[in-house]
Amino acid sequence: MAQNREYREQTEEDLENVPPMSGMQKAILAIAAVVLASIIAYIAFA
């Protein structure tokens, strides 16, 4: 159980140290989400 607590504390520390995403990263993720949704819609309704 102690190992799990140590892992969770380490994970929280790692997440706090992650820099915020840049605009380019957000744009790429948005485009990828739109493409993925389009593919799913095409497969579902074709």
C-alpha atoms as a PDB file:
ATOM      1  CA  MET A   1       0.000   0.000   0.000  1.00  0.00           C
ATOM      2  CA  ALA A   2       2.864   2.375   0.757  1.00  0.00           C
ATOM      3  CA  GLN A   3       4.286   1.765  -2.700  1.00  0.00           C
ATOM      4  CA  ASN A   4       0.969   2.820  -4.249  1.00  0.00           C
ATOM      5  CA  ARG A   5       0.983   6.055  -2.212  1.00  0.00           C
ATOM      6  CA  GLU A   6       4.556   6.806  -3.282  1.00  0.00           C
ATOM      7  CA  TYR A   7       3.611   6.186  -6.913  1.00  0.00           C
ATOM      8  CA  ARG A   8       0.613   8.514  -6.664  1.00  0.00           C
ATOM      9  CA  GLU A   9       2.719  11.268  -5.048  1.00  0.00           C
ATOM     10  CA  GLN A  10       5.344  10.921  -7.777  1.00  0.00           C
ATOM     11  CA  THR A  11       2.678  11.052 -10.466  1.00  0.00           C
ATOM     12  CA  GLU A  12       1.154  14.211  -8.987  1.00  0.00           C
ATOM     13  CA  GLU A  13       4.596  15.821  -8.860  1.00  0.00           C
ATOM     14  CA  ASP A  14       5.226  14.872 -12.490  1.00  0.00           C
ATOM     15  CA  LEU A  15       1.900  16.381 -13.567  1.00  0.00           C
ATOM     16  CA  GLU A  16       2.623  19.622 -11.725  1.00  0.00           C
ATOM     17  CA  ASN A  17       5.935  19.990 -13.577  1.00  0.00           C
ATOM     18  CA  VAL A  18       4.435  19.644 -17.078  1.00  0.00           C
ATOM     19  CA  PRO A  19       4.500  22.967 -18.931  1.00  0.00           C
ATOM     20  CA  PRO A  20       1.233  24.199 -20.490  1.00  0.00           C
ATOM     21  CA  MET A  21       0.591  23.219 -24.095  1.00  0.00           C
ATOM     22  CA  SER A  22       1.510  25.673 -26.814  1.00  0.00           C
ATOM     23  CA  GLY A  23      -1.006  26.964 -29.328  1.00  0.00           C
ATOM     24  CA  MET A  24       0.472  24.745 -32.021  1.00  0.00           C
ATOM     25  CA  GLN A  25      -0.021  21.626 -29.910  1.00  0.00           C
ATOM     26  CA  LYS A  26      -3.624  22.603 -29.199  1.00  0.00           C
ATOM     27  CA  ALA A  27      -4.263  23.218 -32.910  1.00  0.00           C
ATOM     28  CA  ILE A  28      -2.799  19.836 -33.871  1.00  0.00           C
ATOM     29  CA  LEU A  29      -4.904  18.059 -31.239  1.00  0.00           C
ATOM     30  CA  ALA A  30      -8.028  19.888 -32.405  1.00  0.00           C
ATOM     31  CA  ILE A  31      -7.387  18.941 -36.035  1.00  0.00           C
ATOM     32  CA  ALA A  32      -6.713  15.335 -35.047  1.00  0.00           C
ATOM     33  CA  ALA A  33      -9.972  15.235 -33.061  1.00  0.00           C
ATOM     34  CA  VAL A  34     -11.954  16.599 -36.024  1.00  0.00           C
ATOM     35  CA  VAL A  35     -10.377  14.090 -38.423  1.00  0.00           C
ATOM     36  CA  LEU A  36     -11.037  11.216 -36.023  1.00  0.00           C
ATOM     37  CA  ALA A  37     -14.669  12.287 -35.543  1.00  0.00           C
ATOM     38  CA  SER A  38     -15.080  12.567 -39.317  1.00  0.00           C
ATOM     39  CA  ILE A  39     -13.704   9.068 -39.872  1.00  0.00           C
ATOM     40  CA  ILE A  40     -15.980   7.618 -37.186  1.00  0.00           C
ATOM     41  CA  ALA A  41     -19.009   9.408 -38.655  1.00  0.00           C
ATOM     42  CA  TYR A  42     -18.137   8.190 -42.149  1.00  0.00           C
ATOM     43  CA  ILE A  43     -17.845   4.587 -40.976  1.00  0.00           C
ATOM     44  CA  ALA A  44     -21.025   4.807 -38.896  1.00  0.00           C
ATOM     45  CA  PHE A  45     -23.227   6.286 -41.637  1.00  0.00           C
ATOM     46  CA  ALA A  46     -21.712   4.752 -44.781  1.00  0.00           C
END
